[in-house]
Amino acid sequence: MNSNSNLYLTTSELSARIKYDTRTIRERLKDSVLIEGIHYIRPFGGRKILYVWEAIQKDMCRFSKNAMAIPMTAGGVSHG
């Protein structure tokens, strides 16, 4: 991932983009769906979190495509 081309968002900015409450992002998504080093970073080892928009957008779309899919034993999916 080329960090020079990434858009970094605060929790409030991400909340506005994906229409989730900031508390939901902090409590339910962070560390269960959003992974540190992929979806978010802590710049300079601090407490502040910045979310990587490109990684979040990519994974949201990827998982959304398979939401209605039926998993197959060989690893593929059936779309109905």
PDB file of N, CA and C in Angstrom:
ATOM      1  N   MET A   1       0.854  -1.161   0.000  1.00  0.00           N
ATOM      2  CA  MET A   1       0.000   0.000   0.000  1.00  0.00           C
ATOM      3  C   MET A   1       0.901   1.225   0.000  1.00  0.00           C
ATOM      4  N   ASN A   2       0.744   2.098  -0.942  1.00  0.00           N
ATOM      5  CA  ASN A   2       1.539   3.312  -1.035  1.00  0.00           C
ATOM      6  C   ASN A   2       0.945   4.360  -0.116  1.00  0.00           C
ATOM      7  N   SER A   3       1.618   4.591   1.016  1.00  0.00           N
ATOM      8  CA  SER A   3       1.056   5.486   2.022  1.00  0.00           C
ATOM      9  C   SER A   3       0.983   6.932   1.551  1.00  0.00           C
ATOM     10  N   ASN A   4       1.712   7.300   0.500  1.00  0.00           N
ATOM     11  CA  ASN A   4       1.677   8.674   0.016  1.00  0.00           C
ATOM     12  C   ASN A   4       0.370   9.016  -0.678  1.00  0.00           C
ATOM     13  N   SER A   5      -0.368   8.030  -1.135  1.00  0.00           N
ATOM     14  CA  SER A   5      -1.593   8.301  -1.875  1.00  0.00           C
ATOM     15  C   SER A   5      -2.859   8.034  -1.052  1.00  0.00           C
ATOM     16  N   ASN A   6      -2.711   7.689   0.210  1.00  0.00           N
ATOM     17  CA  ASN A   6      -3.865   7.363   1.041  1.00  0.00           C
ATOM     18  C   ASN A   6      -4.512   8.613   1.622  1.00  0.00           C
ATOM     19  N   LEU A   7      -5.810   8.535   1.764  1.00  0.00           N
ATOM     20  CA  LEU A   7      -6.566   9.580   2.441  1.00  0.00           C
ATOM     21  C   LEU A   7      -6.819   9.107   3.870  1.00  0.00           C
ATOM     22  N   TYR A   8      -6.366   9.888   4.841  1.00  0.00           N
ATOM     23  CA  TYR A   8      -6.538   9.548   6.246  1.00  0.00           C
ATOM     24  C   TYR A   8      -7.693  10.349   6.830  1.00  0.00           C
ATOM     25  N   LEU A   9      -8.560   9.669   7.578  1.00  0.00           N
ATOM     26  CA  LEU A   9      -9.748  10.293   8.147  1.00  0.00           C
ATOM     27  C   LEU A   9      -9.770  10.124   9.655  1.00  0.00           C
ATOM     28  N   THR A  10     -10.307  11.119  10.339  1.00  0.00           N
ATOM     29  CA  THR A  10     -10.571  10.981  11.766  1.00  0.00           C
ATOM     30  C   THR A  10     -11.821  10.113  11.935  1.00  0.00           C
ATOM     31  N   THR A  11     -12.118   9.739  13.152  1.00  0.00           N
ATOM     32  CA  THR A  11     -13.324   8.947  13.416  1.00  0.00           C
ATOM     33  C   THR A  11     -14.574   9.699  12.976  1.00  0.00           C
ATOM     34  N   SER A  12     -14.637  10.992  13.244  1.00  0.00           N
ATOM     35  CA  SER A  12     -15.800  11.799  12.845  1.00  0.00           C
ATOM     36  C   SER A  12     -15.944  11.871  11.329  1.00  0.00           C
ATOM     37  N   GLU A  13     -14.837  12.038  10.626  1.00  0.00           N
ATOM     38  CA  GLU A  13     -14.884  12.099   9.162  1.00  0.00           C
ATOM     39  C   GLU A  13     -15.305  10.759   8.574  1.00  0.00           C
ATOM     40  N   LEU A  14     -14.774   9.657   9.135  1.00  0.00           N
ATOM     41  CA  LEU A  14     -15.177   8.332   8.667  1.00  0.00           C
ATOM     42  C   LEU A  14     -16.659   8.101   8.944  1.00  0.00           C
ATOM     43  N   SER A  15     -17.111   8.516  10.108  1.00  0.00           N
ATOM     44  CA  SER A  15     -18.515   8.389  10.487  1.00  0.00           C
ATOM     45  C   SER A  15     -19.424   9.055   9.456  1.00  0.00           C
ATOM     46  N   ALA A  16     -19.054  10.243   9.032  1.00  0.00           N
ATOM     47  CA  ALA A  16     -19.861  10.972   8.042  1.00  0.00           C
ATOM     48  C   ALA A  16     -19.863  10.253   6.695  1.00  0.00           C
ATOM     49  N   ARG A  17     -18.753   9.644   6.329  1.00  0.00           N
ATOM     50  CA  ARG A  17     -18.678   8.961   5.030  1.00  0.00           C
ATOM     51  C   ARG A  17     -19.448   7.654   4.984  1.00  0.00           C
ATOM     52  N   ILE A  18     -19.374   6.856   6.052  1.00  0.00           N
ATOM     53  CA  ILE A  18     -19.999   5.530   6.001  1.00  0.00           C
ATOM     54  C   ILE A  18     -21.329   5.478   6.740  1.00  0.00           C
ATOM     55  N   LYS A  19     -21.751   6.610   7.301  1.00  0.00           N
ATOM     56  CA  LYS A  19     -23.058   6.730   7.970  1.00  0.00           C
ATOM     57  C   LYS A  19     -23.203   5.784   9.159  1.00  0.00           C
ATOM     58  N   TYR A  20     -22.106   5.666   9.918  1.00  0.00           N
ATOM     59  CA  TYR A  20     -22.126   4.931  11.179  1.00  0.00           C
ATOM     60  C   TYR A  20     -21.817   5.926  12.278  1.00  0.00           C
ATOM     61  N   ASP A  21     -22.403   5.743  13.449  1.00  0.00           N
ATOM     62  CA  ASP A  21     -22.124   6.586  14.599  1.00  0.00           C
ATOM     63  C   ASP A  21     -20.655   6.421  15.007  1.00  0.00           C
ATOM     64  N   THR A  22     -20.043   7.497  15.480  1.00  0.00           N
ATOM     65  CA  THR A  22     -18.636   7.421  15.886  1.00  0.00           C
ATOM     66  C   THR A  22     -18.432   6.387  16.997  1.00  0.00           C
ATOM     67  N   ARG A  23     -19.386   6.264  17.882  1.00  0.00           N
ATOM     68  CA  ARG A  23     -19.287   5.277  18.957  1.00  0.00           C
ATOM     69  C   ARG A  23     -19.279   3.854  18.387  1.00  0.00           C
ATOM     70  N   THR A  24     -20.083   3.611  17.375  1.00  0.00           N
ATOM     71  CA  THR A  24     -20.105   2.290  16.743  1.00  0.00           C
ATOM     72  C   THR A  24     -18.755   1.979  16.120  1.00  0.00           C
ATOM     73  N   ILE A  25     -18.161   2.954  15.468  1.00  0.00           N
ATOM     74  CA  ILE A  25     -16.844   2.746  14.865  1.00  0.00           C
ATOM     75  C   ILE A  25     -15.830   2.408  15.946  1.00  0.00           C
ATOM     76  N   ARG A  26     -15.808   3.187  17.012  1.00  0.00           N
ATOM     77  CA  ARG A  26     -14.828   2.974  18.080  1.00  0.00           C
ATOM     78  C   ARG A  26     -15.049   1.674  18.843  1.00  0.00           C
ATOM     79  N   GLU A  27     -16.297   1.338  19.133  1.00  0.00           N
ATOM     80  CA  GLU A  27     -16.580   0.204  20.012  1.00  0.00           C
ATOM     81  C   GLU A  27     -16.789  -1.116  19.290  1.00  0.00           C
ATOM     82  N   ARG A  28     -17.420  -1.092  18.113  1.00  0.00           N
ATOM     83  CA  ARG A  28     -17.775  -2.353  17.467  1.00  0.00           C
ATOM     84  C   ARG A  28     -16.918  -2.679  16.261  1.00  0.00           C
ATOM     85  N   LEU A  29     -16.556  -1.671  15.474  1.00  0.00           N
ATOM     86  CA  LEU A  29     -15.815  -1.951  14.247  1.00  0.00           C
ATOM     87  C   LEU A  29     -14.311  -2.028  14.478  1.00  0.00           C
ATOM     88  N   LYS A  30     -13.790  -1.082  15.271  1.00  0.00           N
ATOM     89  CA  LYS A  30     -12.351  -1.067  15.500  1.00  0.00           C
ATOM     90  C   LYS A  30     -11.928  -2.343  16.222  1.00  0.00           C
ATOM     91  N   ASP A  31     -10.939  -2.984  15.697  1.00  0.00           N
ATOM     92  CA  ASP A  31     -10.333  -4.212  16.231  1.00  0.00           C
ATOM     93  C   ASP A  31     -11.145  -5.479  15.971  1.00  0.00           C
ATOM     94  N   SER A  32     -12.370  -5.380  15.488  1.00  0.00           N
ATOM     95  CA  SER A  32     -13.091  -6.593  15.112  1.00  0.00           C
ATOM     96  C   SER A  32     -13.220  -6.666  13.595  1.00  0.00           C
ATOM     97  N   VAL A  33     -13.479  -5.561  12.953  1.00  0.00           N
ATOM     98  CA  VAL A  33     -13.595  -5.501  11.499  1.00  0.00           C
ATOM     99  C   VAL A  33     -12.442  -4.683  10.918  1.00  0.00           C
ATOM    100  N   LEU A  34     -12.134  -3.596  11.588  1.00  0.00           N
ATOM    101  CA  LEU A  34     -11.067  -2.705  11.126  1.00  0.00           C
ATOM    102  C   LEU A  34      -9.775  -3.083  11.846  1.00  0.00           C
ATOM    103  N   ILE A  35      -8.732  -3.335  11.071  1.00  0.00           N
ATOM    104  CA  ILE A  35      -7.482  -3.871  11.603  1.00  0.00           C
ATOM    105  C   ILE A  35      -6.394  -2.805  11.593  1.00  0.00           C
ATOM    106  N   GLU A  36      -5.730  -2.650  12.738  1.00  0.00           N
ATOM    107  CA  GLU A  36      -4.644  -1.675  12.825  1.00  0.00           C
ATOM    108  C   GLU A  36      -3.529  -2.057  11.853  1.00  0.00           C
ATOM    109  N   GLY A  37      -3.024  -1.075  11.154  1.00  0.00           N
ATOM    110  CA  GLY A  37      -1.983  -1.299  10.157  1.00  0.00           C
ATOM    111  C   GLY A  37      -2.545  -1.499   8.759  1.00  0.00           C
ATOM    112  N   ILE A  38      -3.829  -1.820   8.662  1.00  0.00           N
ATOM    113  CA  ILE A  38      -4.498  -1.976   7.362  1.00  0.00           C
ATOM    114  C   ILE A  38      -5.564  -0.902   7.216  1.00  0.00           C
ATOM    115  N   HIS A  39      -6.504  -0.879   8.136  1.00  0.00           N
ATOM    116  CA  HIS A  39      -7.627   0.056   8.068  1.00  0.00           C
ATOM    117  C   HIS A  39      -7.401   1.339   8.867  1.00  0.00           C
ATOM    118  N   TYR A  40      -6.521   1.289   9.830  1.00  0.00           N
ATOM    119  CA  TYR A  40      -6.231   2.490  10.605  1.00  0.00           C
ATOM    120  C   TYR A  40      -4.809   2.445  11.131  1.00  0.00           C
ATOM    121  N   ILE A  41      -4.295   3.634  11.456  1.00  0.00           N
ATOM    122  CA  ILE A  41      -2.950   3.765  12.015  1.00  0.00           C
ATOM    123  C   ILE A  41      -3.002   4.678  13.234  1.00  0.00           C
ATOM    124  N   ARG A  42      -1.961   4.595  14.031  1.00  0.00           N
ATOM    125  CA  ARG A  42      -1.762   5.502  15.159  1.00  0.00           C
ATOM    126  C   ARG A  42      -0.467   6.268  14.854  1.00  0.00           C
ATOM    127  N   PRO A  43      -0.611   7.457  14.243  1.00  0.00           N
ATOM    128  CA  PRO A  43       0.585   8.193  13.833  1.00  0.00           C
ATOM    129  C   PRO A  43       1.522   8.491  15.004  1.00  0.00           C
ATOM    130  N   PHE A  44       2.799   8.298  14.756  1.00  0.00           N
ATOM    131  CA  PHE A  44       3.854   8.626  15.716  1.00  0.00           C
ATOM    132  C   PHE A  44       3.688   7.886  17.036  1.00  0.00           C
ATOM    133  N   GLY A  45       3.004   6.733  17.008  1.00  0.00           N
ATOM    134  CA  GLY A  45       2.839   5.911  18.205  1.00  0.00           C
ATOM    135  C   GLY A  45       1.926   6.518  19.254  1.00  0.00           C
ATOM    136  N   GLY A  46       1.146   7.509  18.867  1.00  0.00           N
ATOM    137  CA  GLY A  46       0.260   8.183  19.815  1.00  0.00           C
ATOM    138  C   GLY A  46      -1.076   7.491  19.984  1.00  0.00           C
ATOM    139  N   ARG A  47      -1.980   8.168  20.647  1.00  0.00           N
ATOM    140  CA  ARG A  47      -3.320   7.627  20.892  1.00  0.00           C
ATOM    141  C   ARG A  47      -4.291   7.931  19.772  1.00  0.00           C
ATOM    142  N   LYS A  48      -4.034   9.004  19.033  1.00  0.00           N
ATOM    143  CA  LYS A  48      -4.933   9.411  17.950  1.00  0.00           C
ATOM    144  C   LYS A  48      -4.973   8.326  16.874  1.00  0.00           C
ATOM    145  N   ILE A  49      -6.162   8.082  16.350  1.00  0.00           N
ATOM    146  CA  ILE A  49      -6.350   7.084  15.293  1.00  0.00           C
ATOM    147  C   ILE A  49      -6.745   7.804  14.014  1.00  0.00           C
ATOM    148  N   LEU A  50      -6.093   7.432  12.927  1.00  0.00           N
ATOM    149  CA  LEU A  50      -6.478   7.903  11.599  1.00  0.00           C
ATOM    150  C   LEU A  50      -6.837   6.686  10.765  1.00  0.00           C
ATOM    151  N   TYR A  51      -7.983   6.757  10.114  1.00  0.00           N
ATOM    152  CA  TYR A  51      -8.472   5.643   9.307  1.00  0.00           C
ATOM    153  C   TYR A  51      -8.024   5.809   7.861  1.00  0.00           C
ATOM    154  N   VAL A  52      -7.648   4.699   7.222  1.00  0.00           N
ATOM    155  CA  VAL A  52      -7.175   4.691   5.835  1.00  0.00           C
ATOM    156  C   VAL A  52      -8.395   4.460   4.942  1.00  0.00           C
ATOM    157  N   TRP A  53      -8.881   5.517   4.313  1.00  0.00           N
ATOM    158  CA  TRP A  53     -10.118   5.463   3.551  1.00  0.00           C
ATOM    159  C   TRP A  53     -10.075   4.418   2.443  1.00  0.00           C
ATOM    160  N   GLU A  54      -9.008   4.355   1.676  1.00  0.00           N
ATOM    161  CA  GLU A  54      -8.939   3.431   0.540  1.00  0.00           C
ATOM    162  C   GLU A  54      -9.099   1.976   0.989  1.00  0.00           C
ATOM    163  N   ALA A  55      -8.454   1.593   2.090  1.00  0.00           N
ATOM    164  CA  ALA A  55      -8.554   0.220   2.589  1.00  0.00           C
ATOM    165  C   ALA A  55      -9.966  -0.078   3.093  1.00  0.00           C
ATOM    166  N   ILE A  56     -10.576   0.860   3.784  1.00  0.00           N
ATOM    167  CA  ILE A  56     -11.933   0.663   4.298  1.00  0.00           C
ATOM    168  C   ILE A  56     -12.922   0.562   3.153  1.00  0.00           C
ATOM    169  N   GLN A  57     -12.806   1.449   2.194  1.00  0.00           N
ATOM    170  CA  GLN A  57     -13.720   1.443   1.042  1.00  0.00           C
ATOM    171  C   GLN A  57     -13.596   0.144   0.255  1.00  0.00           C
ATOM    172  N   LYS A  58     -12.366  -0.308   0.033  1.00  0.00           N
ATOM    173  CA  LYS A  58     -12.131  -1.557  -0.705  1.00  0.00           C
ATOM    174  C   LYS A  58     -12.786  -2.741   0.010  1.00  0.00           C
ATOM    175  N   ASP A  59     -12.567  -2.851   1.318  1.00  0.00           N
ATOM    176  CA  ASP A  59     -13.122  -3.983   2.057  1.00  0.00           C
ATOM    177  C   ASP A  59     -14.633  -3.893   2.210  1.00  0.00           C
ATOM    178  N   MET A  60     -15.179  -2.694   2.357  1.00  0.00           N
ATOM    179  CA  MET A  60     -16.643  -2.553   2.427  1.00  0.00           C
ATOM    180  C   MET A  60     -17.280  -3.076   1.150  1.00  0.00           C
ATOM    181  N   CYS A  61     -16.729  -2.714   0.020  1.00  0.00           N
ATOM    182  CA  CYS A  61     -17.279  -3.157  -1.268  1.00  0.00           C
ATOM    183  C   CYS A  61     -17.071  -4.650  -1.471  1.00  0.00           C
ATOM    184  N   ARG A  62     -15.911  -5.147  -1.072  1.00  0.00           N
ATOM    185  CA  ARG A  62     -15.608  -6.573  -1.258  1.00  0.00           C
ATOM    186  C   ARG A  62     -16.569  -7.437  -0.453  1.00  0.00           C
ATOM    187  N   PHE A  63     -16.796  -7.090   0.807  1.00  0.00           N
ATOM    188  CA  PHE A  63     -17.695  -7.874   1.643  1.00  0.00           C
ATOM    189  C   PHE A  63     -19.147  -7.689   1.223  1.00  0.00           C
ATOM    190  N   SER A  64     -19.500  -6.530   0.734  1.00  0.00           N
ATOM    191  CA  SER A  64     -20.859  -6.266   0.291  1.00  0.00           C
ATOM    192  C   SER A  64     -21.230  -7.127  -0.905  1.00  0.00           C
ATOM    193  N   LYS A  65     -20.311  -7.337  -1.808  1.00  0.00           N
ATOM    194  CA  LYS A  65     -20.565  -8.158  -3.001  1.00  0.00           C
ATOM    195  C   LYS A  65     -20.922  -9.587  -2.626  1.00  0.00           C
ATOM    196  N   ASN A  66     -20.343 -10.092  -1.535  1.00  0.00           N
ATOM    197  CA  ASN A  66     -20.575 -11.471  -1.129  1.00  0.00           C
ATOM    198  C   ASN A  66     -21.656 -11.604  -0.068  1.00  0.00           C
ATOM    199  N   ALA A  67     -22.328 -10.519   0.287  1.00  0.00           N
ATOM    200  CA  ALA A  67     -23.324 -10.564   1.350  1.00  0.00           C
ATOM    201  C   ALA A  67     -24.474 -11.501   1.019  1.00  0.00           C
ATOM    202  N   MET A  68     -24.891 -11.553  -0.216  1.00  0.00           N
ATOM    203  CA  MET A  68     -26.001 -12.405  -0.613  1.00  0.00           C
ATOM    204  C   MET A  68     -25.529 -13.708  -1.256  1.00  0.00           C
ATOM    205  N   ALA A  69     -24.246 -13.974  -1.206  1.00  0.00           N
ATOM    206  CA  ALA A  69     -23.689 -15.171  -1.834  1.00  0.00           C
ATOM    207  C   ALA A  69     -23.787 -16.362  -0.890  1.00  0.00           C
ATOM    208  N   ILE A  70     -23.883 -17.556  -1.480  1.00  0.00           N
ATOM    209  CA  ILE A  70     -23.924 -18.801  -0.724  1.00  0.00           C
ATOM    210  C   ILE A  70     -22.546 -19.452  -0.849  1.00  0.00           C
ATOM    211  N   PRO A  71     -21.839 -19.661   0.271  1.00  0.00           N
ATOM    212  CA  PRO A  71     -20.504 -20.265   0.186  1.00  0.00           C
ATOM    213  C   PRO A  71     -20.574 -21.705  -0.303  1.00  0.00           C
ATOM    214  N   MET A  72     -19.631 -22.076  -1.149  1.00  0.00           N
ATOM    215  CA  MET A  72     -19.557 -23.431  -1.688  1.00  0.00           C
ATOM    216  C   MET A  72     -18.378 -24.162  -1.035  1.00  0.00           C
ATOM    217  N   THR A  73     -18.428 -25.492  -0.986  1.00  0.00           N
ATOM    218  CA  THR A  73     -17.387 -26.254  -0.307  1.00  0.00           C
ATOM    219  C   THR A  73     -16.022 -26.103  -0.961  1.00  0.00           C
ATOM    220  N   ALA A  74     -15.960 -25.867  -2.249  1.00  0.00           N
ATOM    221  CA  ALA A  74     -14.675 -25.724  -2.942  1.00  0.00           C
ATOM    222  C   ALA A  74     -14.071 -24.340  -2.752  1.00  0.00           C
ATOM    223  N   GLY A  75     -14.739 -23.462  -2.011  1.00  0.00           N
ATOM    224  CA  GLY A  75     -14.223 -22.128  -1.750  1.00  0.00           C
ATOM    225  C   GLY A  75     -14.862 -21.033  -2.562  1.00  0.00           C
ATOM    226  N   GLY A  76     -15.632 -21.365  -3.567  1.00  0.00           N
ATOM    227  CA  GLY A  76     -16.321 -20.353  -4.369  1.00  0.00           C
ATOM    228  C   GLY A  76     -17.616 -19.932  -3.724  1.00  0.00           C
ATOM    229  N   VAL A  77     -18.382 -19.118  -4.436  1.00  0.00           N
ATOM    230  CA  VAL A  77     -19.677 -18.693  -3.951  1.00  0.00           C
ATOM    231  C   VAL A  77     -20.707 -18.793  -5.063  1.00  0.00           C
ATOM    232  N   SER A  78     -21.950 -19.045  -4.655  1.00  0.00           N
ATOM    233  CA  SER A  78     -23.059 -19.075  -5.582  1.00  0.00           C
ATOM    234  C   SER A  78     -23.910 -17.827  -5.326  1.00  0.00           C
ATOM    235  N   HIS A  79     -24.286 -17.160  -6.402  1.00  0.00           N
ATOM    236  CA  HIS A  79     -25.093 -15.955  -6.243  1.00  0.00           C
ATOM    237  C   HIS A  79     -26.579 -16.207  -6.459  1.00  0.00           C
ATOM    238  N   GLY A  80     -26.993 -17.401  -6.167  1.00  0.00           N
ATOM    239  CA  GLY A  80     -28.413 -17.680  -6.195  1.00  0.00           C
ATOM    240  C   GLY A  80     -28.763 -18.495  -7.342  1.00  0.00           C
TER     241      GLY A  80
END
